[in-house]
Amino acid sequence: AWIAMQLLMRRPEIRGFISVAPPANMYDFSFLAPCPSSGIL
């Protein structure tokens, strides 16, 4: 999920994401600024 969210930032063609059990306490997710697509966690 962490890798998927990083890919999302680099590929504008990605229009949706599903993030299961994202390790928000282990990795820095601050790169999601702004998050370019809608999705579910």
PDB file of all heavy atoms in Angstrom:
ATOM      1  N   ALA A   1       0.839  -1.203   0.000  1.00  0.00           N
ATOM      2  CA  ALA A   1       0.000   0.000   0.000  1.00  0.00           C
ATOM      3  C   ALA A   1       0.874   1.253   0.000  1.00  0.00           C
ATOM      4  O   ALA A   1       0.555   2.250  -0.656  1.00  0.00           O
ATOM      5  CB  ALA A   1      -0.926  -0.011   1.214  1.00  0.00           C
ATOM      6  N   TRP A   2       1.978   1.212   0.739  1.00  0.00           N
ATOM      7  CA  TRP A   2       2.908   2.355   0.776  1.00  0.00           C
ATOM      8  C   TRP A   2       3.523   2.587  -0.602  1.00  0.00           C
ATOM      9  O   TRP A   2       3.595   3.730  -1.077  1.00  0.00           O
ATOM     10  CB  TRP A   2       3.985   2.081   1.827  1.00  0.00           C
ATOM     11  CG  TRP A   2       5.033   3.133   1.962  1.00  0.00           C
ATOM     12  CD1 TRP A   2       4.835   4.464   2.235  1.00  0.00           C
ATOM     13  CD2 TRP A   2       6.453   2.952   1.850  1.00  0.00           C
ATOM     14  NE1 TRP A   2       6.050   5.120   2.295  1.00  0.00           N
ATOM     15  CE2 TRP A   2       7.058   4.211   2.067  1.00  0.00           C
ATOM     16  CE3 TRP A   2       7.267   1.850   1.605  1.00  0.00           C
ATOM     17  CZ2 TRP A   2       8.443   4.400   2.029  1.00  0.00           C
ATOM     18  CZ3 TRP A   2       8.641   2.028   1.580  1.00  0.00           C
ATOM     19  CH2 TRP A   2       9.216   3.295   1.781  1.00  0.00           C
ATOM     20  N   ILE A   3       3.953   1.503  -1.252  1.00  0.00           N
ATOM     21  CA  ILE A   3       4.518   1.638  -2.599  1.00  0.00           C
ATOM     22  C   ILE A   3       3.449   2.133  -3.576  1.00  0.00           C
ATOM     23  O   ILE A   3       3.704   3.009  -4.418  1.00  0.00           O
ATOM     24  CB  ILE A   3       5.102   0.292  -3.082  1.00  0.00           C
ATOM     25  CG1 ILE A   3       6.214  -0.197  -2.145  1.00  0.00           C
ATOM     26  CG2 ILE A   3       5.608   0.405  -4.516  1.00  0.00           C
ATOM     27  CD1 ILE A   3       7.442   0.675  -2.097  1.00  0.00           C
ATOM     28  N   ALA A   4       2.232   1.602  -3.439  1.00  0.00           N
ATOM     29  CA  ALA A   4       1.136   1.997  -4.336  1.00  0.00           C
ATOM     30  C   ALA A   4       0.855   3.489  -4.241  1.00  0.00           C
ATOM     31  O   ALA A   4       0.640   4.164  -5.259  1.00  0.00           O
ATOM     32  CB  ALA A   4      -0.120   1.192  -4.003  1.00  0.00           C
ATOM     33  N   MET A   5       0.864   4.022  -3.024  1.00  0.00           N
ATOM     34  CA  MET A   5       0.572   5.442  -2.853  1.00  0.00           C
ATOM     35  C   MET A   5       1.693   6.314  -3.436  1.00  0.00           C
ATOM     36  O   MET A   5       1.440   7.409  -3.935  1.00  0.00           O
ATOM     37  CB  MET A   5       0.375   5.767  -1.363  1.00  0.00           C
ATOM     38  CG  MET A   5      -0.754   4.989  -0.705  1.00  0.00           C
ATOM     39  SD  MET A   5      -2.373   5.331  -1.390  1.00  0.00           S
ATOM     40  CE  MET A   5      -2.883   6.715  -0.389  1.00  0.00           C
ATOM     41  N   GLN A   6       2.927   5.814  -3.383  1.00  0.00           N
ATOM     42  CA  GLN A   6       4.024   6.564  -4.007  1.00  0.00           C
ATOM     43  C   GLN A   6       3.890   6.539  -5.534  1.00  0.00           C
ATOM     44  O   GLN A   6       4.128   7.558  -6.209  1.00  0.00           O
ATOM     45  CB  GLN A   6       5.369   5.970  -3.599  1.00  0.00           C
ATOM     46  CG  GLN A   6       5.694   6.168  -2.135  1.00  0.00           C
ATOM     47  CD  GLN A   6       7.038   5.571  -1.792  1.00  0.00           C
ATOM     48  OE1 GLN A   6       8.086   6.107  -2.137  1.00  0.00           O
ATOM     49  NE2 GLN A   6       7.016   4.436  -1.121  1.00  0.00           N
ATOM     50  N   LEU A   7       3.507   5.394  -6.074  1.00  0.00           N
ATOM     51  CA  LEU A   7       3.310   5.289  -7.522  1.00  0.00           C
ATOM     52  C   LEU A   7       2.210   6.238  -7.978  1.00  0.00           C
ATOM     53  O   LEU A   7       2.311   6.877  -9.042  1.00  0.00           O
ATOM     54  CB  LEU A   7       2.971   3.841  -7.893  1.00  0.00           C
ATOM     55  CG  LEU A   7       2.919   3.528  -9.383  1.00  0.00           C
ATOM     56  CD1 LEU A   7       4.295   3.666 -10.032  1.00  0.00           C
ATOM     57  CD2 LEU A   7       2.361   2.121  -9.618  1.00  0.00           C
ATOM     58  N   LEU A   8       1.180   6.338  -7.168  1.00  0.00           N
ATOM     59  CA  LEU A   8       0.055   7.237  -7.438  1.00  0.00           C
ATOM     60  C   LEU A   8       0.533   8.674  -7.667  1.00  0.00           C
ATOM     61  O   LEU A   8       0.020   9.389  -8.539  1.00  0.00           O
ATOM     62  CB  LEU A   8      -0.872   7.175  -6.224  1.00  0.00           C
ATOM     63  CG  LEU A   8      -2.171   7.929  -6.178  1.00  0.00           C
ATOM     64  CD1 LEU A   8      -3.185   7.266  -7.089  1.00  0.00           C
ATOM     65  CD2 LEU A   8      -2.707   7.947  -4.749  1.00  0.00           C
ATOM     66  N   MET A   9       1.535   9.083  -6.900  1.00  0.00           N
ATOM     67  CA  MET A   9       2.040  10.456  -7.013  1.00  0.00           C
ATOM     68  C   MET A   9       2.822  10.681  -8.304  1.00  0.00           C
ATOM     69  O   MET A   9       2.966  11.809  -8.756  1.00  0.00           O
ATOM     70  CB  MET A   9       2.960  10.773  -5.833  1.00  0.00           C
ATOM     71  CG  MET A   9       2.258  10.833  -4.496  1.00  0.00           C
ATOM     72  SD  MET A   9       0.998  12.116  -4.429  1.00  0.00           S
ATOM     73  CE  MET A   9       1.989  13.600  -4.602  1.00  0.00           C
ATOM     74  N   ARG A  10       3.342   9.603  -8.875  1.00  0.00           N
ATOM     75  CA  ARG A  10       4.219   9.724 -10.036  1.00  0.00           C
ATOM     76  C   ARG A  10       3.514   9.444 -11.357  1.00  0.00           C
ATOM     77  O   ARG A  10       4.082   9.711 -12.419  1.00  0.00           O
ATOM     78  CB  ARG A  10       5.410   8.763  -9.883  1.00  0.00           C
ATOM     79  CG  ARG A  10       6.379   9.201  -8.816  1.00  0.00           C
ATOM     80  CD  ARG A  10       7.253   8.058  -8.340  1.00  0.00           C
ATOM     81  NE  ARG A  10       8.328   8.524  -7.461  1.00  0.00           N
ATOM     82  CZ  ARG A  10       8.156   8.873  -6.193  1.00  0.00           C
ATOM     83  NH1 ARG A  10       6.953   8.805  -5.651  1.00  0.00           N
ATOM     84  NH2 ARG A  10       9.173   9.277  -5.465  1.00  0.00           N
ATOM     85  N   ARG A  11       2.322   8.875 -11.288  1.00  0.00           N
ATOM     86  CA  ARG A  11       1.640   8.460 -12.514  1.00  0.00           C
ATOM     87  C   ARG A  11       0.246   9.073 -12.575  1.00  0.00           C
ATOM     88  O   ARG A  11      -0.704   8.558 -11.975  1.00  0.00           O
ATOM     89  CB  ARG A  11       1.563   6.926 -12.569  1.00  0.00           C
ATOM     90  CG  ARG A  11       2.925   6.230 -12.487  1.00  0.00           C
ATOM     91  CD  ARG A  11       3.831   6.558 -13.673  1.00  0.00           C
ATOM     92  NE  ARG A  11       3.431   5.838 -14.846  1.00  0.00           N
ATOM     93  CZ  ARG A  11       4.060   4.773 -15.329  1.00  0.00           C
ATOM     94  NH1 ARG A  11       5.149   4.303 -14.727  1.00  0.00           N
ATOM     95  NH2 ARG A  11       3.638   4.190 -16.420  1.00  0.00           N
ATOM     96  N   PRO A  12       0.102  10.166 -13.304  1.00  0.00           N
ATOM     97  CA  PRO A  12      -1.183  10.877 -13.317  1.00  0.00           C
ATOM     98  C   PRO A  12      -2.325  10.085 -13.922  1.00  0.00           C
ATOM     99  O   PRO A  12      -3.495  10.439 -13.736  1.00  0.00           O
ATOM    100  CB  PRO A  12      -0.878  12.135 -14.142  1.00  0.00           C
ATOM    101  CG  PRO A  12       0.366  11.817 -14.904  1.00  0.00           C
ATOM    102  CD  PRO A  12       1.139  10.861 -14.071  1.00  0.00           C
ATOM    103  N   GLU A  13      -2.000   8.999 -14.637  1.00  0.00           N
ATOM    104  CA  GLU A  13      -3.085   8.201 -15.227  1.00  0.00           C
ATOM    105  C   GLU A  13      -3.828   7.360 -14.180  1.00  0.00           C
ATOM    106  O   GLU A  13      -4.907   6.813 -14.457  1.00  0.00           O
ATOM    107  CB  GLU A  13      -2.544   7.297 -16.344  1.00  0.00           C
ATOM    108  CG  GLU A  13      -1.613   6.175 -15.887  1.00  0.00           C
ATOM    109  CD  GLU A  13      -0.145   6.568 -15.876  1.00  0.00           C
ATOM    110  OE1 GLU A  13       0.159   7.766 -15.666  1.00  0.00           O
ATOM    111  OE2 GLU A  13       0.696   5.681 -16.074  1.00  0.00           O
ATOM    112  N   ILE A  14      -3.267   7.237 -12.967  1.00  0.00           N
ATOM    113  CA  ILE A  14      -3.942   6.456 -11.913  1.00  0.00           C
ATOM    114  C   ILE A  14      -5.082   7.284 -11.343  1.00  0.00           C
ATOM    115  O   ILE A  14      -4.876   8.368 -10.811  1.00  0.00           O
ATOM    116  CB  ILE A  14      -2.949   6.051 -10.806  1.00  0.00           C
ATOM    117  CG1 ILE A  14      -1.869   5.140 -11.379  1.00  0.00           C
ATOM    118  CG2 ILE A  14      -3.685   5.355  -9.667  1.00  0.00           C
ATOM    119  CD1 ILE A  14      -0.758   4.780 -10.398  1.00  0.00           C
ATOM    120  N   ARG A  15      -6.298   6.740 -11.461  1.00  0.00           N
ATOM    121  CA  ARG A  15      -7.490   7.487 -11.063  1.00  0.00           C
ATOM    122  C   ARG A  15      -8.168   6.946  -9.820  1.00  0.00           C
ATOM    123  O   ARG A  15      -9.145   7.512  -9.340  1.00  0.00           O
ATOM    124  CB  ARG A  15      -8.506   7.525 -12.218  1.00  0.00           C
ATOM    125  CG  ARG A  15      -8.013   8.179 -13.488  1.00  0.00           C
ATOM    126  CD  ARG A  15      -7.408   9.563 -13.263  1.00  0.00           C
ATOM    127  NE  ARG A  15      -8.260  10.459 -12.478  1.00  0.00           N
ATOM    128  CZ  ARG A  15      -7.800  11.338 -11.595  1.00  0.00           C
ATOM    129  NH1 ARG A  15      -6.507  11.432 -11.342  1.00  0.00           N
ATOM    130  NH2 ARG A  15      -8.629  12.117 -10.939  1.00  0.00           N
ATOM    131  N   GLY A  16      -7.687   5.813  -9.301  1.00  0.00           N
ATOM    132  CA  GLY A  16      -8.303   5.268  -8.101  1.00  0.00           C
ATOM    133  C   GLY A  16      -7.322   4.366  -7.376  1.00  0.00           C
ATOM    134  O   GLY A  16      -6.416   3.802  -7.995  1.00  0.00           O
ATOM    135  N   PHE A  17      -7.495   4.256  -6.056  1.00  0.00           N
ATOM    136  CA  PHE A  17      -6.592   3.380  -5.296  1.00  0.00           C
ATOM    137  C   PHE A  17      -7.344   2.660  -4.185  1.00  0.00           C
ATOM    138  O   PHE A  17      -8.369   3.144  -3.684  1.00  0.00           O
ATOM    139  CB  PHE A  17      -5.411   4.168  -4.717  1.00  0.00           C
ATOM    140  CG  PHE A  17      -5.771   5.137  -3.616  1.00  0.00           C
ATOM    141  CD1 PHE A  17      -5.860   4.713  -2.299  1.00  0.00           C
ATOM    142  CD2 PHE A  17      -6.005   6.481  -3.895  1.00  0.00           C
ATOM    143  CE1 PHE A  17      -6.190   5.603  -1.278  1.00  0.00           C
ATOM    144  CE2 PHE A  17      -6.329   7.373  -2.888  1.00  0.00           C
ATOM    145  CZ  PHE A  17      -6.422   6.932  -1.575  1.00  0.00           C
ATOM    146  N   ILE A  18      -6.808   1.498  -3.828  1.00  0.00           N
ATOM    147  CA  ILE A  18      -7.270   0.750  -2.660  1.00  0.00           C
ATOM    148  C   ILE A  18      -6.045   0.479  -1.800  1.00  0.00           C
ATOM    149  O   ILE A  18      -5.079  -0.147  -2.250  1.00  0.00           O
ATOM    150  CB  ILE A  18      -7.955  -0.568  -3.067  1.00  0.00           C
ATOM    151  CG1 ILE A  18      -9.231  -0.256  -3.856  1.00  0.00           C
ATOM    152  CG2 ILE A  18      -8.272  -1.415  -1.832  1.00  0.00           C
ATOM    153  CD1 ILE A  18      -9.887  -1.464  -4.473  1.00  0.00           C
ATOM    154  N   SER A  19      -6.073   0.976  -0.583  1.00  0.00           N
ATOM    155  CA  SER A  19      -4.936   0.888   0.322  1.00  0.00           C
ATOM    156  C   SER A  19      -5.363   0.075   1.546  1.00  0.00           C
ATOM    157  O   SER A  19      -6.146   0.556   2.369  1.00  0.00           O
ATOM    158  CB  SER A  19      -4.510   2.310   0.723  1.00  0.00           C
ATOM    159  OG  SER A  19      -3.346   2.304   1.486  1.00  0.00           O
ATOM    160  N   VAL A  20      -4.886  -1.163   1.643  1.00  0.00           N
ATOM    161  CA  VAL A  20      -5.271  -2.054   2.739  1.00  0.00           C
ATOM    162  C   VAL A  20      -4.162  -2.074   3.785  1.00  0.00           C
ATOM    163  O   VAL A  20      -3.000  -2.348   3.469  1.00  0.00           O
ATOM    164  CB  VAL A  20      -5.547  -3.477   2.212  1.00  0.00           C
ATOM    165  CG1 VAL A  20      -5.822  -4.438   3.370  1.00  0.00           C
ATOM    166  CG2 VAL A  20      -6.720  -3.474   1.239  1.00  0.00           C
ATOM    167  N   ALA A  21      -4.535  -1.771   5.025  1.00  0.00           N
ATOM    168  CA  ALA A  21      -3.593  -1.748   6.149  1.00  0.00           C
ATOM    169  C   ALA A  21      -2.338  -0.940   5.834  1.00  0.00           C
ATOM    170  O   ALA A  21      -1.213  -1.423   5.988  1.00  0.00           O
ATOM    171  CB  ALA A  21      -3.224  -3.174   6.574  1.00  0.00           C
ATOM    172  N   PRO A  22      -2.499   0.319   5.369  1.00  0.00           N
ATOM    173  CA  PRO A  22      -1.317   1.121   5.056  1.00  0.00           C
ATOM    174  C   PRO A  22      -0.484   1.343   6.321  1.00  0.00           C
ATOM    175  O   PRO A  22      -1.031   1.738   7.358  1.00  0.00           O
ATOM    176  CB  PRO A  22      -1.906   2.439   4.536  1.00  0.00           C
ATOM    177  CG  PRO A  22      -3.268   2.521   5.146  1.00  0.00           C
ATOM    178  CD  PRO A  22      -3.747   1.095   5.222  1.00  0.00           C
ATOM    179  N   PRO A  23       0.828   1.101   6.270  1.00  0.00           N
ATOM    180  CA  PRO A  23       1.670   1.188   7.477  1.00  0.00           C
ATOM    181  C   PRO A  23       2.013   2.635   7.830  1.00  0.00           C
ATOM    182  O   PRO A  23       3.161   3.068   7.753  1.00  0.00           O
ATOM    183  CB  PRO A  23       2.903   0.370   7.093  1.00  0.00           C
ATOM    184  CG  PRO A  23       2.979   0.470   5.603  1.00  0.00           C
ATOM    185  CD  PRO A  23       1.571   0.576   5.106  1.00  0.00           C
ATOM    186  N   ALA A  24       0.978   3.367   8.242  1.00  0.00           N
ATOM    187  CA  ALA A  24       1.109   4.816   8.437  1.00  0.00           C
ATOM    188  C   ALA A  24       2.010   5.178   9.611  1.00  0.00           C
ATOM    189  O   ALA A  24       2.466   6.318   9.705  1.00  0.00           O
ATOM    190  CB  ALA A  24      -0.274   5.427   8.626  1.00  0.00           C
ATOM    191  N   ASN A  25       2.274   4.230  10.507  1.00  0.00           N
ATOM    192  CA  ASN A  25       3.153   4.493  11.646  1.00  0.00           C
ATOM    193  C   ASN A  25       4.605   4.120  11.357  1.00  0.00           C
ATOM    194  O   ASN A  25       5.497   4.475  12.111  1.00  0.00           O
ATOM    195  CB  ASN A  25       2.678   3.711  12.868  1.00  0.00           C
ATOM    196  CG  ASN A  25       2.682   2.204  12.621  1.00  0.00           C
ATOM    197  OD1 ASN A  25       2.388   1.755  11.506  1.00  0.00           O
ATOM    198  ND2 ASN A  25       2.988   1.423  13.639  1.00  0.00           N
ATOM    199  N   MET A  26       4.849   3.404  10.269  1.00  0.00           N
ATOM    200  CA  MET A  26       6.188   2.900   9.967  1.00  0.00           C
ATOM    201  C   MET A  26       6.890   3.697   8.879  1.00  0.00           C
ATOM    202  O   MET A  26       8.119   3.765   8.846  1.00  0.00           O
ATOM    203  CB  MET A  26       6.114   1.444   9.499  1.00  0.00           C
ATOM    204  CG  MET A  26       5.578   0.499  10.525  1.00  0.00           C
ATOM    205  SD  MET A  26       5.527  -1.157   9.812  1.00  0.00           S
ATOM    206  CE  MET A  26       4.902  -2.049  11.214  1.00  0.00           C
ATOM    207  N   TYR A  27       6.109   4.241   7.962  1.00  0.00           N
ATOM    208  CA  TYR A  27       6.678   4.943   6.815  1.00  0.00           C
ATOM    209  C   TYR A  27       6.101   6.345   6.736  1.00  0.00           C
ATOM    210  O   TYR A  27       4.984   6.607   7.184  1.00  0.00           O
ATOM    211  CB  TYR A  27       6.386   4.190   5.513  1.00  0.00           C
ATOM    212  CG  TYR A  27       7.025   2.831   5.434  1.00  0.00           C
ATOM    213  CD1 TYR A  27       6.280   1.679   5.647  1.00  0.00           C
ATOM    214  CD2 TYR A  27       8.386   2.687   5.141  1.00  0.00           C
ATOM    215  CE1 TYR A  27       6.857   0.408   5.563  1.00  0.00           C
ATOM    216  CE2 TYR A  27       8.974   1.432   5.047  1.00  0.00           C
ATOM    217  CZ  TYR A  27       8.209   0.301   5.272  1.00  0.00           C
ATOM    218  OH  TYR A  27       8.790  -0.928   5.187  1.00  0.00           O
ATOM    219  N   ASP A  28       6.848   7.213   6.118  1.00  0.00           N
ATOM    220  CA  ASP A  28       6.434   8.597   5.945  1.00  0.00           C
ATOM    221  C   ASP A  28       5.489   8.697   4.745  1.00  0.00           C
ATOM    222  O   ASP A  28       5.867   8.357   3.628  1.00  0.00           O
ATOM    223  CB  ASP A  28       7.683   9.461   5.726  1.00  0.00           C
ATOM    224  CG  ASP A  28       7.360  10.934   5.605  1.00  0.00           C
ATOM    225  OD1 ASP A  28       6.177  11.306   5.769  1.00  0.00           O
ATOM    226  OD2 ASP A  28       8.285  11.725   5.351  1.00  0.00           O
ATOM    227  N   PHE A  29       4.271   9.136   4.994  1.00  0.00           N
ATOM    228  CA  PHE A  29       3.295   9.315   3.910  1.00  0.00           C
ATOM    229  C   PHE A  29       3.126  10.788   3.545  1.00  0.00           C
ATOM    230  O   PHE A  29       2.174  11.148   2.857  1.00  0.00           O
ATOM    231  CB  PHE A  29       1.933   8.738   4.318  1.00  0.00           C
ATOM    232  CG  PHE A  29       1.829   7.233   4.173  1.00  0.00           C
ATOM    233  CD1 PHE A  29       2.398   6.381   5.104  1.00  0.00           C
ATOM    234  CD2 PHE A  29       1.144   6.669   3.097  1.00  0.00           C
ATOM    235  CE1 PHE A  29       2.301   5.004   4.980  1.00  0.00           C
ATOM    236  CE2 PHE A  29       1.042   5.291   2.963  1.00  0.00           C
ATOM    237  CZ  PHE A  29       1.610   4.458   3.898  1.00  0.00           C
ATOM    238  N   SER A  30       4.048  11.633   3.998  1.00  0.00           N
ATOM    239  CA  SER A  30       3.884  13.071   3.758  1.00  0.00           C
ATOM    240  C   SER A  30       4.023  13.451   2.280  1.00  0.00           C
ATOM    241  O   SER A  30       3.674  14.557   1.886  1.00  0.00           O
ATOM    242  CB  SER A  30       4.898  13.868   4.590  1.00  0.00           C
ATOM    243  OG  SER A  30       6.220  13.549   4.212  1.00  0.00           O
ATOM    244  N   PHE A  31       4.501  12.478   1.466  1.00  0.00           N
ATOM    245  CA  PHE A  31       4.598  12.753   0.025  1.00  0.00           C
ATOM    246  C   PHE A  31       3.223  12.944  -0.604  1.00  0.00           C
ATOM    247  O   PHE A  31       3.106  13.458  -1.705  1.00  0.00           O
ATOM    248  CB  PHE A  31       5.336  11.606  -0.683  1.00  0.00           C
ATOM    249  CG  PHE A  31       4.723  10.252  -0.477  1.00  0.00           C
ATOM    250  CD1 PHE A  31       3.650   9.832  -1.245  1.00  0.00           C
ATOM    251  CD2 PHE A  31       5.218   9.387   0.490  1.00  0.00           C
ATOM    252  CE1 PHE A  31       3.069   8.590  -1.062  1.00  0.00           C
ATOM    253  CE2 PHE A  31       4.656   8.130   0.684  1.00  0.00           C
ATOM    254  CZ  PHE A  31       3.578   7.738  -0.096  1.00  0.00           C
ATOM    255  N   LEU A  32       2.171  12.525   0.087  1.00  0.00           N
ATOM    256  CA  LEU A  32       0.809  12.664  -0.446  1.00  0.00           C
ATOM    257  C   LEU A  32       0.329  14.096  -0.245  1.00  0.00           C
ATOM    258  O   LEU A  32      -0.612  14.366   0.494  1.00  0.00           O
ATOM    259  CB  LEU A  32      -0.126  11.678   0.240  1.00  0.00           C
ATOM    260  CG  LEU A  32       0.117  10.210  -0.093  1.00  0.00           C
ATOM    261  CD1 LEU A  32      -0.634   9.303   0.873  1.00  0.00           C
ATOM    262  CD2 LEU A  32      -0.318   9.907  -1.529  1.00  0.00           C
ATOM    263  N   ALA A  33       0.977  15.021  -0.910  1.00  0.00           N
ATOM    264  CA  ALA A  33       0.652  16.426  -0.738  1.00  0.00           C
ATOM    265  C   ALA A  33       0.749  17.154  -2.078  1.00  0.00           C
ATOM    266  O   ALA A  33       1.833  17.564  -2.459  1.00  0.00           O
ATOM    267  CB  ALA A  33       1.603  17.056   0.275  1.00  0.00           C
ATOM    268  N   PRO A  34      -0.355  17.327  -2.782  1.00  0.00           N
ATOM    269  CA  PRO A  34      -1.657  16.752  -2.441  1.00  0.00           C
ATOM    270  C   PRO A  34      -1.817  15.359  -3.049  1.00  0.00           C
ATOM    271  O   PRO A  34      -1.156  15.024  -4.027  1.00  0.00           O
ATOM    272  CB  PRO A  34      -2.635  17.728  -3.107  1.00  0.00           C
ATOM    273  CG  PRO A  34      -1.885  18.221  -4.309  1.00  0.00           C
ATOM    274  CD  PRO A  34      -0.419  18.243  -3.919  1.00  0.00           C
ATOM    275  N   CYS A  35      -2.704  14.574  -2.473  1.00  0.00           N
ATOM    276  CA  CYS A  35      -3.034  13.258  -3.030  1.00  0.00           C
ATOM    277  C   CYS A  35      -3.841  13.481  -4.312  1.00  0.00           C
ATOM    278  O   CYS A  35      -4.860  14.167  -4.272  1.00  0.00           O
ATOM    279  CB  CYS A  35      -3.843  12.452  -2.020  1.00  0.00           C
ATOM    280  SG  CYS A  35      -4.308  10.802  -2.588  1.00  0.00           S
ATOM    281  N   PRO A  36      -3.392  12.933  -5.430  1.00  0.00           N
ATOM    282  CA  PRO A  36      -4.005  13.298  -6.705  1.00  0.00           C
ATOM    283  C   PRO A  36      -5.285  12.539  -7.067  1.00  0.00           C
ATOM    284  O   PRO A  36      -5.964  12.913  -8.020  1.00  0.00           O
ATOM    285  CB  PRO A  36      -2.903  12.968  -7.717  1.00  0.00           C
ATOM    286  CG  PRO A  36      -2.128  11.868  -7.076  1.00  0.00           C
ATOM    287  CD  PRO A  36      -2.191  12.099  -5.603  1.00  0.00           C
ATOM    288  N   SER A  37      -5.617  11.478  -6.349  1.00  0.00           N
ATOM    289  CA  SER A  37      -6.750  10.640  -6.755  1.00  0.00           C
ATOM    290  C   SER A  37      -7.584  10.233  -5.554  1.00  0.00           C
ATOM    291  O   SER A  37      -7.106  10.191  -4.422  1.00  0.00           O
ATOM    292  CB  SER A  37      -6.252   9.365  -7.453  1.00  0.00           C
ATOM    293  OG  SER A  37      -5.468   9.672  -8.568  1.00  0.00           O
ATOM    294  N   SER A  38      -8.833   9.908  -5.844  1.00  0.00           N
ATOM    295  CA  SER A  38      -9.735   9.399  -4.808  1.00  0.00           C
ATOM    296  C   SER A  38      -9.495   7.911  -4.585  1.00  0.00           C
ATOM    297  O   SER A  38      -9.035   7.200  -5.483  1.00  0.00           O
ATOM    298  CB  SER A  38     -11.190   9.627  -5.226  1.00  0.00           C
ATOM    299  OG  SER A  38     -11.459  11.008  -5.359  1.00  0.00           O
ATOM    300  N   GLY A  39      -9.799   7.451  -3.378  1.00  0.00           N
ATOM    301  CA  GLY A  39      -9.608   6.039  -3.087  1.00  0.00           C
ATOM    302  C   GLY A  39     -10.127   5.680  -1.719  1.00  0.00           C
ATOM    303  O   GLY A  39     -10.778   6.482  -1.044  1.00  0.00           O
ATOM    304  N   ILE A  40      -9.818   4.457  -1.306  1.00  0.00           N
ATOM    305  CA  ILE A  40     -10.266   3.959  -0.003  1.00  0.00           C
ATOM    306  C   ILE A  40      -9.087   3.385   0.770  1.00  0.00           C
ATOM    307  O   ILE A  40      -8.200   2.749   0.186  1.00  0.00           O
ATOM    308  CB  ILE A  40     -11.384   2.901  -0.158  1.00  0.00           C
ATOM    309  CG1 ILE A  40     -11.943   2.487   1.212  1.00  0.00           C
ATOM    310  CG2 ILE A  40     -10.897   1.675  -0.935  1.00  0.00           C
ATOM    311  CD1 ILE A  40     -13.213   1.649   1.128  1.00  0.00           C
ATOM    312  N   LEU A  41      -9.078   3.637   2.063  1.00  0.00           N
ATOM    313  CA  LEU A  41      -8.130   3.019   2.992  1.00  0.00           C
ATOM    314  C   LEU A  41      -8.933   2.092   3.897  1.00  0.00           C
ATOM    315  O   LEU A  41      -9.919   2.534   4.512  1.00  0.00           O
ATOM    316  CB  LEU A  41      -7.398   4.065   3.818  1.00  0.00           C
ATOM    317  CG  LEU A  41      -6.434   4.994   3.055  1.00  0.00           C
ATOM    318  CD1 LEU A  41      -7.161   6.191   2.466  1.00  0.00           C
ATOM    319  CD2 LEU A  41      -5.323   5.495   3.974  1.00  0.00           C
TER     320      LEU A  41
END
